Amino acid sequence: MGRIFEKRKHKMFARYDRMAKMFTKFGKEIAMAVKQSGPDPDTNGRLRAAIQNAKGVNMPKDRIDAAIKRASSKDNKEDFEEVVYEGYGPHAVAIVIETATNNPTRTVANVRAYLNRAGGALGKTGSLDFIFSRKGVFTLDIKGYDVETLELELIDSGLEEIEVEGEEAIITTAFEDFSRMQKALEERSINVTNAELQRIPTSFAEVSGDAIQEIHDLVEKIEQDDDVQAVFINMKETD
């Protein structure tokens, strides 16, 4: 009975840790969006997306409002800087790490340590541009919509690809078409459950066996860092 309780307690704390991490992530994204373009989501597309995504992970409304208010305050001196780190993990897997930090010296030291301990290395900014392509990725609730009609309507707004699974669709746009697509979806009152910029690999490092878990463990370790917003890799798992 004691072991079962311990397992349940461990899972419960792990769930709370993940939730806290997501709240921190979107709290920073909200703050950066407000600093960049103001506190009004009607005129700030980045803030609208951040609020939308925060709601998607069940971040309470009062915490969202508090994050906006705090970032808008003249007394708030905290400022997060967006810094992207690029490098390689073990088995030649390329890794891009997006961070939001108020102390880049601390952040780069942590990132370098994660990679070095795993047998990887930090690279120069822009060194992986040939491996990853930045894309806008939207997840939609398409219940009640005709997919073919929707696809035709969104092509002029930058739609590159659409994948449908049940009542959900994932659409991809070029980086520069993110705001245009966001506006098009809003005009059609389509329920967007998630909207973000991602780095999609254009070439892959094939990894198999125990090496796959090595990469997953490294990514999980990096993601646990409070300064890290997102991690992208080009691993392709093979048998």
Protein backbone atom coordinates (compact mmCIF):
# COMPACT_ATOMS: atom_id res chain seq x y z
CA MET A 1 0.00 0.00 0.00
CA GLY A 2 2.86 2.34 0.89
CA ARG A 3 4.55 1.82 -2.50
CA ILE A 4 1.32 2.50 -4.38
CA PHE A 5 0.84 5.71 -2.42
CA GLU A 6 4.42 6.79 -3.13
CA LYS A 7 3.94 6.17 -6.87
CA ARG A 8 0.72 8.18 -6.88
CA LYS A 9 2.37 10.99 -4.93
CA HIS A 10 5.29 11.03 -7.37
CA LYS A 11 2.95 11.25 -10.35
CA MET A 12 0.96 14.00 -8.65
CA PHE A 13 4.07 16.10 -7.98
CA ALA A 14 5.34 15.47 -11.53
CA ARG A 15 2.01 16.72 -12.89
CA TYR A 16 2.17 19.84 -10.72
CA ASP A 17 5.78 20.45 -11.81
CA ARG A 18 4.77 20.26 -15.48
CA MET A 19 1.84 22.59 -14.88
CA ALA A 20 4.01 25.08 -13.00
CA LYS A 21 6.56 24.97 -15.82
CA MET A 22 3.88 25.69 -18.42
CA PHE A 23 2.45 28.56 -16.36
CA THR A 24 5.95 30.05 -16.07
CA LYS A 25 6.53 29.64 -19.79
CA PHE A 26 3.34 31.37 -20.86
CA GLY A 27 3.67 34.00 -18.13
CA LYS A 28 6.98 35.01 -19.71
CA GLU A 29 5.49 34.89 -23.20
CA ILE A 30 2.66 37.18 -22.08
CA ALA A 31 5.15 39.57 -20.47
CA MET A 32 7.32 39.74 -23.59
CA ALA A 33 4.28 40.27 -25.81
CA VAL A 34 3.06 43.14 -23.61
CA LYS A 35 6.50 44.76 -23.55
CA GLN A 36 6.72 44.47 -27.33
CA SER A 37 3.28 45.69 -28.45
CA GLY A 38 1.19 46.72 -25.45
CA PRO A 39 -1.42 45.13 -23.15
CA ASP A 40 -4.41 45.10 -25.49
CA PRO A 41 -4.88 41.66 -27.11
CA ASP A 42 -7.19 43.19 -29.74
CA THR A 43 -4.22 45.05 -31.23
CA ASN A 44 -1.45 42.68 -30.16
CA GLY A 45 -1.48 39.41 -32.10
CA ARG A 46 1.41 37.91 -30.16
CA LEU A 47 -0.40 38.57 -26.88
CA ARG A 48 -3.60 37.02 -28.23
CA ALA A 49 -1.71 33.86 -29.13
CA ALA A 50 0.02 33.77 -25.74
CA ILE A 51 -3.29 34.13 -23.87
CA GLN A 52 -4.87 31.49 -26.08
CA ASN A 53 -2.07 29.03 -25.42
CA ALA A 54 -2.08 29.78 -21.70
CA LYS A 55 -5.77 28.96 -21.56
CA GLY A 56 -4.99 25.76 -23.45
CA VAL A 57 -2.91 24.51 -20.49
CA ASN A 58 -5.60 25.64 -18.01
CA MET A 59 -3.71 28.66 -16.71
CA PRO A 60 -6.26 30.49 -14.50
CA LYS A 61 -7.68 33.73 -15.85
CA ASP A 62 -6.58 35.66 -12.77
CA ARG A 63 -2.98 34.58 -13.36
CA ILE A 64 -3.18 35.62 -17.01
CA ASP A 65 -4.61 39.01 -16.04
CA ALA A 66 -1.98 39.42 -13.32
CA ALA A 67 0.80 38.68 -15.82
CA ILE A 68 -0.54 41.34 -18.20
CA LYS A 69 -0.94 43.88 -15.40
CA ARG A 70 2.52 43.21 -14.01
CA ALA A 71 4.17 43.57 -17.43
CA SER A 72 2.24 46.80 -18.05
CA SER A 73 3.24 48.41 -14.76
CA LYS A 74 5.74 51.27 -14.94
CA ASP A 75 7.25 49.95 -11.72
CA ASN A 76 8.05 46.60 -13.30
CA LYS A 77 11.75 46.60 -14.11
CA GLU A 78 11.98 42.89 -14.96
CA ASP A 79 12.70 42.39 -18.61
CA PHE A 80 13.13 39.06 -20.36
CA GLU A 81 15.46 38.72 -23.31
CA GLU A 82 14.80 36.15 -26.00
CA VAL A 83 17.99 34.20 -26.73
CA VAL A 84 18.30 31.19 -29.04
CA TYR A 85 21.08 28.64 -28.55
CA GLU A 86 22.14 26.10 -31.16
CA GLY A 87 24.32 23.05 -30.87
CA TYR A 88 24.59 19.29 -31.10
CA GLY A 89 23.71 16.58 -28.66
CA PRO A 90 25.09 13.05 -28.75
CA HIS A 91 24.82 11.02 -31.99
CA ALA A 92 25.03 14.20 -34.12
CA VAL A 93 21.48 15.28 -33.24
CA ALA A 94 21.00 19.01 -33.87
CA ILE A 95 19.34 20.96 -31.04
CA VAL A 96 17.85 24.46 -31.00
CA ILE A 97 16.93 25.88 -27.59
CA GLU A 98 14.71 28.95 -27.29
CA THR A 99 14.97 30.82 -23.98
CA ALA A 100 13.49 33.83 -22.23
CA THR A 101 15.93 35.06 -19.62
CA ASN A 102 16.75 38.00 -17.38
CA ASN A 103 20.30 36.68 -16.99
CA PRO A 104 21.86 35.44 -20.27
CA THR A 105 25.16 34.65 -18.52
CA ARG A 106 23.41 32.15 -16.28
CA THR A 107 21.37 30.71 -19.11
CA VAL A 108 24.22 30.10 -21.54
CA ALA A 109 26.27 28.46 -18.77
CA ASN A 110 23.39 26.09 -18.00
CA VAL A 111 22.75 25.25 -21.65
CA ARG A 112 26.45 24.60 -22.29
CA ALA A 113 26.61 22.33 -19.23
CA TYR A 114 23.58 20.27 -20.33
CA LEU A 115 25.09 19.66 -23.76
CA ASN A 116 28.63 19.01 -22.55
CA ARG A 117 27.53 16.47 -19.94
CA ALA A 118 25.62 14.57 -22.61
CA GLY A 119 28.61 14.51 -24.97
CA GLY A 120 27.37 17.37 -27.13
CA ALA A 121 28.53 20.94 -27.69
CA LEU A 122 27.16 24.44 -28.02
CA GLY A 123 27.48 25.97 -31.49
CA LYS A 124 27.38 29.43 -33.03
CA THR A 125 24.17 31.36 -33.61
CA GLY A 126 22.84 30.60 -37.08
CA SER A 127 24.90 27.44 -37.47
CA LEU A 128 21.77 25.29 -37.75
CA ASP A 129 19.75 27.50 -40.08
CA PHE A 130 20.25 24.93 -42.84
CA ILE A 131 18.68 22.18 -40.72
CA PHE A 132 15.59 23.92 -39.31
CA SER A 133 12.92 26.05 -40.95
CA ARG A 134 10.73 28.38 -38.86
CA LYS A 135 7.03 27.80 -39.39
CA GLY A 136 3.76 28.98 -37.95
CA VAL A 137 1.77 26.03 -36.61
CA PHE A 138 -1.91 26.29 -35.66
CA THR A 139 -4.08 23.60 -34.07
CA LEU A 140 -7.76 24.04 -34.91
CA ASP A 141 -11.05 22.65 -33.74
CA ILE A 142 -12.75 22.04 -37.11
CA LYS A 143 -15.97 20.43 -35.88
CA GLY A 144 -18.71 21.46 -38.30
CA TYR A 145 -16.29 22.70 -41.00
CA ASP A 146 -15.79 21.28 -44.47
CA VAL A 147 -12.04 20.67 -44.64
CA GLU A 148 -11.70 21.08 -48.41
CA THR A 149 -13.56 24.39 -48.37
CA LEU A 150 -11.52 25.60 -45.40
CA GLU A 151 -8.29 24.64 -47.12
CA LEU A 152 -9.20 26.62 -50.24
CA GLU A 153 -10.18 29.65 -48.15
CA LEU A 154 -6.89 29.67 -46.22
CA ILE A 155 -4.49 29.25 -49.14
CA ASP A 156 -4.48 33.01 -49.77
CA SER A 157 -3.57 33.55 -46.10
CA GLY A 158 -0.41 31.48 -46.38
CA LEU A 159 -1.57 27.92 -45.81
CA GLU A 160 1.21 25.51 -46.74
CA GLU A 161 -0.03 22.24 -45.29
CA ILE A 162 -3.02 20.85 -43.43
CA GLU A 163 -3.23 17.59 -41.48
CA VAL A 164 -6.58 16.37 -40.23
CA GLU A 165 -7.25 13.90 -37.46
CA GLY A 166 -10.84 13.55 -36.36
CA GLU A 167 -12.25 16.95 -35.43
CA GLU A 168 -8.83 18.55 -35.17
CA ALA A 169 -6.55 19.99 -37.84
CA ILE A 170 -2.97 21.21 -37.75
CA ILE A 171 -2.06 23.81 -40.34
CA THR A 172 1.38 25.12 -41.22
CA THR A 173 2.42 28.49 -42.64
CA ALA A 174 5.68 30.24 -43.42
CA PHE A 175 7.14 32.25 -40.54
CA GLU A 176 6.26 35.56 -42.20
CA ASP A 177 2.62 34.48 -42.72
CA PHE A 178 1.93 33.73 -39.03
CA SER A 179 0.08 36.99 -38.29
CA ARG A 180 -1.82 36.88 -41.58
CA MET A 181 -3.08 33.37 -40.85
CA GLN A 182 -3.95 34.29 -37.28
CA LYS A 183 -6.12 37.14 -38.56
CA ALA A 184 -7.78 34.91 -41.19
CA LEU A 185 -8.75 32.32 -38.59
CA GLU A 186 -10.11 34.99 -36.26
CA GLU A 187 -12.21 36.50 -39.06
CA ARG A 188 -13.77 33.07 -39.63
CA SER A 189 -14.35 32.53 -35.87
CA ILE A 190 -12.43 29.25 -36.04
CA ASN A 191 -11.51 27.91 -32.62
CA VAL A 192 -7.69 27.87 -32.44
CA THR A 193 -6.57 25.69 -29.53
CA ASN A 194 -2.85 26.41 -30.01
CA ALA A 195 -0.79 28.78 -32.14
CA GLU A 196 2.99 28.97 -32.09
CA LEU A 197 6.15 29.38 -34.10
CA GLN A 198 8.08 26.15 -34.39
CA ARG A 199 11.39 25.07 -35.91
CA ILE A 200 10.72 22.19 -38.27
CA PRO A 201 13.72 20.04 -39.26
CA THR A 202 14.45 19.79 -42.98
CA SER A 203 17.06 17.04 -42.54
CA PHE A 204 17.39 14.37 -39.88
CA ALA A 205 19.88 12.47 -37.76
CA GLU A 206 18.84 8.82 -37.62
CA VAL A 207 19.04 7.36 -34.11
CA SER A 208 18.22 3.87 -32.87
CA GLY A 209 18.37 1.66 -29.78
CA ASP A 210 19.43 3.08 -26.42
CA ALA A 211 20.60 6.28 -28.12
CA ILE A 212 16.97 7.35 -28.55
CA GLN A 213 16.45 7.44 -24.79
CA GLU A 214 19.71 9.38 -24.37
CA ILE A 215 18.33 12.15 -26.56
CA HIS A 216 14.95 12.13 -24.81
CA ASP A 217 16.66 12.37 -21.43
CA LEU A 218 18.76 15.31 -22.61
CA VAL A 219 15.74 17.17 -24.00
CA GLU A 220 13.79 16.57 -20.79
CA LYS A 221 16.70 17.90 -18.72
CA ILE A 222 16.95 21.04 -20.84
CA GLU A 223 13.19 21.62 -20.76
CA GLN A 224 13.22 21.58 -16.96
CA ASP A 225 15.33 24.74 -16.90
CA ASP A 226 13.17 27.73 -15.95
CA ASP A 227 14.75 29.89 -18.67
CA VAL A 228 13.92 27.46 -21.48
CA GLN A 229 10.79 28.07 -23.54
CA ALA A 230 11.13 25.40 -26.24
CA VAL A 231 13.52 22.74 -27.52
CA PHE A 232 13.67 21.47 -31.11
CA ILE A 233 15.67 18.50 -32.39
CA ASN A 234 16.13 16.76 -35.73
CA MET A 235 16.18 13.17 -34.44
CA LYS A 236 14.56 10.48 -36.54
CA GLU A 237 13.95 7.28 -34.60
CA THR A 238 14.79 4.09 -36.49
CA ASP A 239 14.49 0.41 -35.60
